[in-house]
Amino acid sequence: MTLSPEEWETIKPKNTSVRTYMTLPKGEWSHIIAEHFWELTHLQCCLTFKLAKVYKEGKFYFLIFGRCKICESNFKGVYTTSRHLIQGELVVLFAIM
């Protein structure tokens, strides 16, 4: 899944926190991820997202977790580094479990 620079600008974390991670802004990112998921898979999953953590350091840059209300499949989106953001796109790997 590849997000455009404009999409990333819309959903990137805007707050700083005392936590070791930041979160994507509420109400601004889930429909973008769900739309890309449908474009790639054409599955009729009704995804609800539980969590979107963004880390400044560590093994992952960000993690997104969700679930389909209909078939109860789990969604996990993983991006391992922020270095490709400079090139203007963000590639997210996902798996239906």
PDB file of N, CA and C in Angstrom:
ATOM      1  N   MET A   1       0.858  -1.153   0.000  1.00  0.00           N
ATOM      2  CA  MET A   1       0.000   0.000   0.000  1.00  0.00           C
ATOM      3  C   MET A   1       0.909   1.221   0.000  1.00  0.00           C
ATOM      4  N   THR A   2       0.671   2.155  -0.889  1.00  0.00           N
ATOM      5  CA  THR A   2       1.503   3.348  -0.978  1.00  0.00           C
ATOM      6  C   THR A   2       0.651   4.584  -0.746  1.00  0.00           C
ATOM      7  N   LEU A   3       1.055   5.404   0.191  1.00  0.00           N
ATOM      8  CA  LEU A   3       0.357   6.648   0.472  1.00  0.00           C
ATOM      9  C   LEU A   3       1.061   7.782  -0.260  1.00  0.00           C
ATOM     10  N   SER A   4       0.293   8.681  -0.808  1.00  0.00           N
ATOM     11  CA  SER A   4       0.871   9.834  -1.497  1.00  0.00           C
ATOM     12  C   SER A   4       1.425  10.827  -0.471  1.00  0.00           C
ATOM     13  N   PRO A   5       2.272  11.739  -0.906  1.00  0.00           N
ATOM     14  CA  PRO A   5       2.785  12.761   0.022  1.00  0.00           C
ATOM     15  C   PRO A   5       1.654  13.565   0.666  1.00  0.00           C
ATOM     16  N   GLU A   6       0.607  13.867  -0.092  1.00  0.00           N
ATOM     17  CA  GLU A   6      -0.514  14.626   0.452  1.00  0.00           C
ATOM     18  C   GLU A   6      -1.251  13.825   1.530  1.00  0.00           C
ATOM     19  N   GLU A   7      -1.436  12.521   1.277  1.00  0.00           N
ATOM     20  CA  GLU A   7      -2.105  11.675   2.268  1.00  0.00           C
ATOM     21  C   GLU A   7      -1.279  11.583   3.538  1.00  0.00           C
ATOM     22  N   TRP A   8       0.035  11.398   3.389  1.00  0.00           N
ATOM     23  CA  TRP A   8       0.885  11.318   4.576  1.00  0.00           C
ATOM     24  C   TRP A   8       0.864  12.629   5.341  1.00  0.00           C
ATOM     25  N   GLU A   9       0.862  13.751   4.642  1.00  0.00           N
ATOM     26  CA  GLU A   9       0.812  15.060   5.288  1.00  0.00           C
ATOM     27  C   GLU A   9      -0.470  15.189   6.114  1.00  0.00           C
ATOM     28  N   THR A  10      -1.561  14.625   5.601  1.00  0.00           N
ATOM     29  CA  THR A  10      -2.849  14.666   6.302  1.00  0.00           C
ATOM     30  C   THR A  10      -2.840  13.817   7.561  1.00  0.00           C
ATOM     31  N   ILE A  11      -2.231  12.631   7.488  1.00  0.00           N
ATOM     32  CA  ILE A  11      -2.366  11.694   8.608  1.00  0.00           C
ATOM     33  C   ILE A  11      -1.159  11.616   9.527  1.00  0.00           C
ATOM     34  N   LYS A  12      -0.050  12.265   9.200  1.00  0.00           N
ATOM     35  CA  LYS A  12       1.139  12.120  10.044  1.00  0.00           C
ATOM     36  C   LYS A  12       0.881  12.677  11.449  1.00  0.00           C
ATOM     37  N   PRO A  13       1.601  12.175  12.431  1.00  0.00           N
ATOM     38  CA  PRO A  13       1.398  12.637  13.809  1.00  0.00           C
ATOM     39  C   PRO A  13       1.688  14.129  13.922  1.00  0.00           C
ATOM     40  N   LYS A  14       0.805  14.822  14.630  1.00  0.00           N
ATOM     41  CA  LYS A  14       0.968  16.260  14.789  1.00  0.00           C
ATOM     42  C   LYS A  14       1.306  16.653  16.221  1.00  0.00           C
ATOM     43  N   ASN A  15       1.262  15.695  17.099  1.00  0.00           N
ATOM     44  CA  ASN A  15       1.506  16.021  18.496  1.00  0.00           C
ATOM     45  C   ASN A  15       2.780  15.361  18.996  1.00  0.00           C
ATOM     46  N   THR A  16       3.388  15.984  19.957  1.00  0.00           N
ATOM     47  CA  THR A  16       4.510  15.350  20.629  1.00  0.00           C
ATOM     48  C   THR A  16       3.993  14.855  21.969  1.00  0.00           C
ATOM     49  N   SER A  17       4.629  13.859  22.478  1.00  0.00           N
ATOM     50  CA  SER A  17       4.122  13.205  23.670  1.00  0.00           C
ATOM     51  C   SER A  17       5.271  12.822  24.579  1.00  0.00           C
ATOM     52  N   VAL A  18       4.952  12.604  25.841  1.00  0.00           N
ATOM     53  CA  VAL A  18       5.964  12.107  26.771  1.00  0.00           C
ATOM     54  C   VAL A  18       6.120  10.597  26.630  1.00  0.00           C
ATOM     55  N   ARG A  19       5.210   9.969  25.885  1.00  0.00           N
ATOM     56  CA  ARG A  19       5.303   8.530  25.641  1.00  0.00           C
ATOM     57  C   ARG A  19       6.459   8.248  24.683  1.00  0.00           C
ATOM     58  N   THR A  20       6.762   6.971  24.522  1.00  0.00           N
ATOM     59  CA  THR A  20       7.808   6.572  23.576  1.00  0.00           C
ATOM     60  C   THR A  20       7.278   6.523  22.149  1.00  0.00           C
ATOM     61  N   TYR A  21       5.990   6.785  21.974  1.00  0.00           N
ATOM     62  CA  TYR A  21       5.384   6.760  20.649  1.00  0.00           C
ATOM     63  C   TYR A  21       4.395   7.916  20.508  1.00  0.00           C
ATOM     64  N   MET A  22       4.061   8.217  19.264  1.00  0.00           N
ATOM     65  CA  MET A  22       3.009   9.189  18.959  1.00  0.00           C
ATOM     66  C   MET A  22       1.865   8.422  18.304  1.00  0.00           C
ATOM     67  N   THR A  23       0.753   9.091  18.081  1.00  0.00           N
ATOM     68  CA  THR A  23      -0.375   8.449  17.418  1.00  0.00           C
ATOM     69  C   THR A  23      -0.787   9.274  16.205  1.00  0.00           C
ATOM     70  N   LEU A  24      -1.392   8.602  15.234  1.00  0.00           N
ATOM     71  CA  LEU A  24      -1.948   9.318  14.093  1.00  0.00           C
ATOM     72  C   LEU A  24      -3.183  10.079  14.575  1.00  0.00           C
ATOM     73  N   PRO A  25      -3.484  11.230  13.990  1.00  0.00           N
ATOM     74  CA  PRO A  25      -4.607  12.049  14.469  1.00  0.00           C
ATOM     75  C   PRO A  25      -5.950  11.352  14.295  1.00  0.00           C
ATOM     76  N   LYS A  26      -6.759  11.412  15.333  1.00  0.00           N
ATOM     77  CA  LYS A  26      -8.075  10.759  15.311  1.00  0.00           C
ATOM     78  C   LYS A  26      -8.944  11.326  14.200  1.00  0.00           C
ATOM     79  N   GLY A  27      -9.637  10.417  13.523  1.00  0.00           N
ATOM     80  CA  GLY A  27     -10.592  10.808  12.503  1.00  0.00           C
ATOM     81  C   GLY A  27     -10.003  11.242  11.175  1.00  0.00           C
ATOM     82  N   GLU A  28      -8.686  11.209  11.032  1.00  0.00           N
ATOM     83  CA  GLU A  28      -8.077  11.693   9.798  1.00  0.00           C
ATOM     84  C   GLU A  28      -7.355  10.623   8.990  1.00  0.00           C
ATOM     85  N   TRP A  29      -7.163   9.436   9.523  1.00  0.00           N
ATOM     86  CA  TRP A  29      -6.333   8.450   8.828  1.00  0.00           C
ATOM     87  C   TRP A  29      -7.046   7.150   8.489  1.00  0.00           C
ATOM     88  N   SER A  30      -8.022   6.735   9.273  1.00  0.00           N
ATOM     89  CA  SER A  30      -8.600   5.403   9.092  1.00  0.00           C
ATOM     90  C   SER A  30      -9.278   5.238   7.734  1.00  0.00           C
ATOM     91  N   HIS A  31      -9.970   6.258   7.253  1.00  0.00           N
ATOM     92  CA  HIS A  31     -10.644   6.126   5.957  1.00  0.00           C
ATOM     93  C   HIS A  31      -9.633   6.038   4.809  1.00  0.00           C
ATOM     94  N   ILE A  32      -8.473   6.669   4.955  1.00  0.00           N
ATOM     95  CA  ILE A  32      -7.436   6.601   3.912  1.00  0.00           C
ATOM     96  C   ILE A  32      -6.853   5.190   3.834  1.00  0.00           C
ATOM     97  N   ILE A  33      -6.550   4.602   4.980  1.00  0.00           N
ATOM     98  CA  ILE A  33      -6.011   3.232   5.019  1.00  0.00           C
ATOM     99  C   ILE A  33      -7.051   2.247   4.498  1.00  0.00           C
ATOM    100  N   ALA A  34      -8.303   2.390   4.934  1.00  0.00           N
ATOM    101  CA  ALA A  34      -9.359   1.481   4.486  1.00  0.00           C
ATOM    102  C   ALA A  34      -9.578   1.586   2.981  1.00  0.00           C
ATOM    103  N   GLU A  35      -9.519   2.790   2.441  1.00  0.00           N
ATOM    104  CA  GLU A  35      -9.686   2.990   1.004  1.00  0.00           C
ATOM    105  C   GLU A  35      -8.567   2.309   0.210  1.00  0.00           C
ATOM    106  N   HIS A  36      -7.325   2.491   0.653  1.00  0.00           N
ATOM    107  CA  HIS A  36      -6.202   1.830  -0.020  1.00  0.00           C
ATOM    108  C   HIS A  36      -6.313   0.313   0.089  1.00  0.00           C
ATOM    109  N   PHE A  37      -6.733  -0.184   1.238  1.00  0.00           N
ATOM    110  CA  PHE A  37      -6.912  -1.615   1.434  1.00  0.00           C
ATOM    111  C   PHE A  37      -7.922  -2.158   0.410  1.00  0.00           C
ATOM    112  N   TRP A  38      -9.042  -1.472   0.251  1.00  0.00           N
ATOM    113  CA  TRP A  38     -10.050  -1.928  -0.698  1.00  0.00           C
ATOM    114  C   TRP A  38      -9.528  -1.862  -2.132  1.00  0.00           C
ATOM    115  N   GLU A  39      -8.822  -0.793  -2.486  1.00  0.00           N
ATOM    116  CA  GLU A  39      -8.274  -0.666  -3.842  1.00  0.00           C
ATOM    117  C   GLU A  39      -7.325  -1.814  -4.179  1.00  0.00           C
ATOM    118  N   LEU A  40      -6.578  -2.278  -3.191  1.00  0.00           N
ATOM    119  CA  LEU A  40      -5.614  -3.348  -3.428  1.00  0.00           C
ATOM    120  C   LEU A  40      -6.238  -4.740  -3.414  1.00  0.00           C
ATOM    121  N   THR A  41      -7.226  -4.957  -2.555  1.00  0.00           N
ATOM    122  CA  THR A  41      -7.735  -6.309  -2.341  1.00  0.00           C
ATOM    123  C   THR A  41      -9.131  -6.544  -2.911  1.00  0.00           C
ATOM    124  N   HIS A  42      -9.943  -5.513  -2.995  1.00  0.00           N
ATOM    125  CA  HIS A  42     -11.356  -5.597  -3.366  1.00  0.00           C
ATOM    126  C   HIS A  42     -12.127  -6.529  -2.446  1.00  0.00           C
ATOM    127  N   LEU A  43     -11.637  -6.703  -1.228  1.00  0.00           N
ATOM    128  CA  LEU A  43     -12.360  -7.464  -0.214  1.00  0.00           C
ATOM    129  C   LEU A  43     -13.404  -6.557   0.416  1.00  0.00           C
ATOM    130  N   GLN A  44     -14.540  -7.117   0.733  1.00  0.00           N
ATOM    131  CA  GLN A  44     -15.639  -6.337   1.307  1.00  0.00           C
ATOM    132  C   GLN A  44     -15.526  -6.219   2.825  1.00  0.00           C
ATOM    133  N   CYS A  45     -14.324  -6.205   3.329  1.00  0.00           N
ATOM    134  CA  CYS A  45     -14.113  -6.097   4.765  1.00  0.00           C
ATOM    135  C   CYS A  45     -14.512  -4.717   5.272  1.00  0.00           C
ATOM    136  N   CYS A  46     -15.128  -4.699   6.420  1.00  0.00           N
ATOM    137  CA  CYS A  46     -15.510  -3.455   7.084  1.00  0.00           C
ATOM    138  C   CYS A  46     -14.508  -3.251   8.223  1.00  0.00           C
ATOM    139  N   LEU A  47     -13.396  -2.604   7.894  1.00  0.00           N
ATOM    140  CA  LEU A  47     -12.305  -2.484   8.854  1.00  0.00           C
ATOM    141  C   LEU A  47     -12.577  -1.415   9.906  1.00  0.00           C
ATOM    142  N   THR A  48     -12.343  -1.788  11.143  1.00  0.00           N
ATOM    143  CA  THR A  48     -12.329  -0.826  12.242  1.00  0.00           C
ATOM    144  C   THR A  48     -10.931  -0.872  12.820  1.00  0.00           C
ATOM    145  N   PHE A  49     -10.353   0.284  13.020  1.00  0.00           N
ATOM    146  CA  PHE A  49      -8.975   0.347  13.474  1.00  0.00           C
ATOM    147  C   PHE A  49      -8.926   0.658  14.963  1.00  0.00           C
ATOM    148  N   LYS A  50      -8.051  -0.059  15.640  1.00  0.00           N
ATOM    149  CA  LYS A  50      -7.947   0.065  17.085  1.00  0.00           C
ATOM    150  C   LYS A  50      -6.783   0.955  17.487  1.00  0.00           C
ATOM    151  N   LEU A  51      -5.709   0.914  16.721  1.00  0.00           N
ATOM    152  CA  LEU A  51      -4.482   1.519  17.197  1.00  0.00           C
ATOM    153  C   LEU A  51      -3.600   1.936  16.026  1.00  0.00           C
ATOM    154  N   ALA A  52      -2.937   3.066  16.162  1.00  0.00           N
ATOM    155  CA  ALA A  52      -1.959   3.515  15.172  1.00  0.00           C
ATOM    156  C   ALA A  52      -0.836   4.227  15.916  1.00  0.00           C
ATOM    157  N   LYS A  53       0.231   3.510  16.164  1.00  0.00           N
ATOM    158  CA  LYS A  53       1.372   4.065  16.896  1.00  0.00           C
ATOM    159  C   LYS A  53       2.498   4.417  15.938  1.00  0.00           C
ATOM    160  N   VAL A  54       3.118   5.565  16.178  1.00  0.00           N
ATOM    161  CA  VAL A  54       4.244   6.023  15.375  1.00  0.00           C
ATOM    162  C   VAL A  54       5.425   6.199  16.314  1.00  0.00           C
ATOM    163  N   TYR A  55       6.537   5.545  15.979  1.00  0.00           N
ATOM    164  CA  TYR A  55       7.739   5.582  16.813  1.00  0.00           C
ATOM    165  C   TYR A  55       8.837   6.400  16.142  1.00  0.00           C
ATOM    166  N   LYS A  56       9.519   7.218  16.910  1.00  0.00           N
ATOM    167  CA  LYS A  56      10.649   7.978  16.371  1.00  0.00           C
ATOM    168  C   LYS A  56      11.876   7.097  16.204  1.00  0.00           C
ATOM    169  N   GLU A  57      12.003   6.099  17.074  1.00  0.00           N
ATOM    170  CA  GLU A  57      13.154   5.200  17.041  1.00  0.00           C
ATOM    171  C   GLU A  57      12.683   3.771  17.230  1.00  0.00           C
ATOM    172  N   GLY A  58      13.537   2.837  16.852  1.00  0.00           N
ATOM    173  CA  GLY A  58      13.223   1.443  17.108  1.00  0.00           C
ATOM    174  C   GLY A  58      13.037   0.630  15.847  1.00  0.00           C
ATOM    175  N   LYS A  59      12.516  -0.576  16.026  1.00  0.00           N
ATOM    176  CA  LYS A  59      12.369  -1.538  14.949  1.00  0.00           C
ATOM    177  C   LYS A  59      11.331  -1.102  13.908  1.00  0.00           C
ATOM    178  N   PHE A  60      10.243  -0.480  14.358  1.00  0.00           N
ATOM    179  CA  PHE A  60       9.163  -0.067  13.464  1.00  0.00           C
ATOM    180  C   PHE A  60       9.018   1.446  13.478  1.00  0.00           C
ATOM    181  N   TYR A  61       8.618   2.010  12.335  1.00  0.00           N
ATOM    182  CA  TYR A  61       8.280   3.434  12.293  1.00  0.00           C
ATOM    183  C   TYR A  61       6.827   3.614  12.715  1.00  0.00           C
ATOM    184  N   PHE A  62       5.924   2.834  12.097  1.00  0.00           N
ATOM    185  CA  PHE A  62       4.575   2.832  12.648  1.00  0.00           C
ATOM    186  C   PHE A  62       3.873   1.506  12.471  1.00  0.00           C
ATOM    187  N   LEU A  63       2.887   1.301  13.356  1.00  0.00           N
ATOM    188  CA  LEU A  63       2.079   0.091  13.385  1.00  0.00           C
ATOM    189  C   LEU A  63       0.612   0.487  13.404  1.00  0.00           C
ATOM    190  N   ILE A  64      -0.192  -0.196  12.610  1.00  0.00           N
ATOM    191  CA  ILE A  64      -1.635   0.022  12.605  1.00  0.00           C
ATOM    192  C   ILE A  64      -2.301  -1.330  12.826  1.00  0.00           C
ATOM    193  N   PHE A  65      -3.229  -1.378  13.760  1.00  0.00           N
ATOM    194  CA  PHE A  65      -3.972  -2.601  14.026  1.00  0.00           C
ATOM    195  C   PHE A  65      -5.454  -2.348  13.811  1.00  0.00           C
ATOM    196  N   GLY A  66      -6.115  -3.323  13.203  1.00  0.00           N
ATOM    197  CA  GLY A  66      -7.548  -3.210  12.974  1.00  0.00           C
ATOM    198  C   GLY A  66      -8.180  -4.585  12.875  1.00  0.00           C
ATOM    199  N   ARG A  67      -9.489  -4.582  12.644  1.00  0.00           N
ATOM    200  CA  ARG A  67     -10.247  -5.831  12.561  1.00  0.00           C
ATOM    201  C   ARG A  67     -11.453  -5.617  11.658  1.00  0.00           C
ATOM    202  N   CYS A  68     -11.823  -6.657  10.928  1.00  0.00           N
ATOM    203  CA  CYS A  68     -13.022  -6.617  10.110  1.00  0.00           C
ATOM    204  C   CYS A  68     -14.229  -6.994  10.975  1.00  0.00           C
ATOM    205  N   LYS A  69     -15.245  -6.162  10.941  1.00  0.00           N
ATOM    206  CA  LYS A  69     -16.448  -6.439  11.732  1.00  0.00           C
ATOM    207  C   LYS A  69     -17.216  -7.644  11.201  1.00  0.00           C
ATOM    208  N   ILE A  70     -17.093  -7.913   9.905  1.00  0.00           N
ATOM    209  CA  ILE A  70     -17.885  -8.963   9.276  1.00  0.00           C
ATOM    210  C   ILE A  70     -17.226 -10.339   9.422  1.00  0.00           C
ATOM    211  N   CYS A  71     -15.996 -10.470   8.925  1.00  0.00           N
ATOM    212  CA  CYS A  71     -15.338 -11.788   8.922  1.00  0.00           C
ATOM    213  C   CYS A  71     -14.373 -11.970  10.097  1.00  0.00           C
ATOM    214  N   GLU A  72     -14.178 -10.935  10.891  1.00  0.00           N
ATOM    215  CA  GLU A  72     -13.326 -10.951  12.079  1.00  0.00           C
ATOM    216  C   GLU A  72     -11.844 -11.179  11.775  1.00  0.00           C
ATOM    217  N   SER A  73     -11.422 -10.885  10.539  1.00  0.00           N
ATOM    218  CA  SER A  73     -10.002 -10.956  10.212  1.00  0.00           C
ATOM    219  C   SER A  73      -9.270  -9.805  10.898  1.00  0.00           C
ATOM    220  N   ASN A  74      -8.026 -10.055  11.241  1.00  0.00           N
ATOM    221  CA  ASN A  74      -7.202  -9.016  11.843  1.00  0.00           C
ATOM    222  C   ASN A  74      -6.384  -8.316  10.769  1.00  0.00           C
ATOM    223  N   PHE A  75      -6.192  -7.025  10.932  1.00  0.00           N
ATOM    224  CA  PHE A  75      -5.401  -6.215  10.016  1.00  0.00           C
ATOM    225  C   PHE A  75      -4.200  -5.690  10.786  1.00  0.00           C
ATOM    226  N   LYS A  76      -3.031  -5.856  10.198  1.00  0.00           N
ATOM    227  CA  LYS A  76      -1.821  -5.306  10.802  1.00  0.00           C
ATOM    228  C   LYS A  76      -1.029  -4.604   9.713  1.00  0.00           C
ATOM    229  N   GLY A  77      -0.880  -3.308   9.835  1.00  0.00           N
ATOM    230  CA  GLY A  77      -0.084  -2.524   8.900  1.00  0.00           C
ATOM    231  C   GLY A  77       1.228  -2.158   9.566  1.00  0.00           C
ATOM    232  N   VAL A  78       2.335  -2.395   8.878  1.00  0.00           N
ATOM    233  CA  VAL A  78       3.668  -2.183   9.446  1.00  0.00           C
ATOM    234  C   VAL A  78       4.509  -1.381   8.479  1.00  0.00           C
ATOM    235  N   TYR A  79       5.175  -0.375   8.992  1.00  0.00           N
ATOM    236  CA  TYR A  79       6.172   0.346   8.201  1.00  0.00           C
ATOM    237  C   TYR A  79       7.434   0.378   9.035  1.00  0.00           C
ATOM    238  N   THR A  80       8.528  -0.089   8.470  1.00  0.00           N
ATOM    239  CA  THR A  80       9.712  -0.329   9.290  1.00  0.00           C
ATOM    240  C   THR A  80      10.671   0.840   9.408  1.00  0.00           C
ATOM    241  N   THR A  81      10.589   1.839   8.531  1.00  0.00           N
ATOM    242  CA  THR A  81      11.532   2.947   8.618  1.00  0.00           C
ATOM    243  C   THR A  81      10.910   4.220   8.072  1.00  0.00           C
ATOM    244  N   SER A  82      11.390   5.368   8.524  1.00  0.00           N
ATOM    245  CA  SER A  82      10.857   6.640   8.036  1.00  0.00           C
ATOM    246  C   SER A  82      11.689   7.208   6.897  1.00  0.00           C
ATOM    247  N   ARG A  83      12.758   6.548   6.515  1.00  0.00           N
ATOM    248  CA  ARG A  83      13.663   7.138   5.532  1.00  0.00           C
ATOM    249  C   ARG A  83      13.028   7.343   4.160  1.00  0.00           C
ATOM    250  N   HIS A  84      12.063   6.503   3.774  1.00  0.00           N
ATOM    251  CA  HIS A  84      11.434   6.650   2.464  1.00  0.00           C
ATOM    252  C   HIS A  84      10.440   7.802   2.409  1.00  0.00           C
ATOM    253  N   LEU A  85      10.110   8.379   3.534  1.00  0.00           N
ATOM    254  CA  LEU A  85       9.181   9.507   3.541  1.00  0.00           C
ATOM    255  C   LEU A  85       9.765  10.689   2.784  1.00  0.00           C
ATOM    256  N   ILE A  86      11.077  10.793   2.747  1.00  0.00           N
ATOM    257  CA  ILE A  86      11.747  11.874   2.038  1.00  0.00           C
ATOM    258  C   ILE A  86      11.428  11.794   0.545  1.00  0.00           C
ATOM    259  N   GLN A  87      11.288  10.584   0.029  1.00  0.00           N
ATOM    260  CA  GLN A  87      10.995  10.386  -1.387  1.00  0.00           C
ATOM    261  C   GLN A  87       9.533  10.648  -1.710  1.00  0.00           C
ATOM    262  N   GLY A  88       8.727  10.925  -0.715  1.00  0.00           N
ATOM    263  CA  GLY A  88       7.348  11.328  -0.959  1.00  0.00           C
ATOM    264  C   GLY A  88       6.322  10.227  -0.993  1.00  0.00           C
ATOM    265  N   GLU A  89       6.681   9.016  -0.610  1.00  0.00           N
ATOM    266  CA  GLU A  89       5.674   7.979  -0.547  1.00  0.00           C
ATOM    267  C   GLU A  89       5.923   7.106   0.660  1.00  0.00           C
ATOM    268  N   LEU A  90       4.891   6.427   1.087  1.00  0.00           N
ATOM    269  CA  LEU A  90       4.958   5.574   2.263  1.00  0.00           C
ATOM    270  C   LEU A  90       4.380   4.230   1.884  1.00  0.00           C
ATOM    271  N   VAL A  91       5.148   3.176   2.028  1.00  0.00           N
ATOM    272  CA  VAL A  91       4.689   1.839   1.681  1.00  0.00           C
ATOM    273  C   VAL A  91       4.357   1.092   2.965  1.00  0.00           C
ATOM    274  N   VAL A  92       3.131   0.584   3.042  1.00  0.00           N
ATOM    275  CA  VAL A  92       2.670  -0.115   4.228  1.00  0.00           C
ATOM    276  C   VAL A  92       2.413  -1.571   3.873  1.00  0.00           C
ATOM    277  N   LEU A  93       2.978  -2.483   4.644  1.00  0.00           N
ATOM    278  CA  LEU A  93       2.699  -3.906   4.466  1.00  0.00           C
ATOM    279  C   LEU A  93       1.536  -4.275   5.356  1.00  0.00           C
ATOM    280  N   PHE A  94       0.649  -5.149   4.881  1.00  0.00           N
ATOM    281  CA  PHE A  94      -0.447  -5.570   5.708  1.00  0.00           C
ATOM    282  C   PHE A  94      -0.652  -7.066   5.549  1.00  0.00           C
ATOM    283  N   ALA A  95      -1.270  -7.652   6.562  1.00  0.00           N
ATOM    284  CA  ALA A  95      -1.562  -9.082   6.532  1.00  0.00           C
ATOM    285  C   ALA A  95      -2.939  -9.309   7.130  1.00  0.00           C
ATOM    286  N   ILE A  96      -3.709 -10.162   6.503  1.00  0.00           N
ATOM    287  CA  ILE A  96      -4.985 -10.574   7.066  1.00  0.00           C
ATOM    288  C   ILE A  96      -4.718 -11.881   7.788  1.00  0.00           C
ATOM    289  N   MET A  97      -5.007 -11.879   9.063  1.00  0.00           N
ATOM    290  CA  MET A  97      -4.672 -13.062   9.876  1.00  0.00           C
ATOM    291  C   MET A  97      -5.930 -13.834  10.225  1.00  0.00           C
TER     292      MET A  97
END
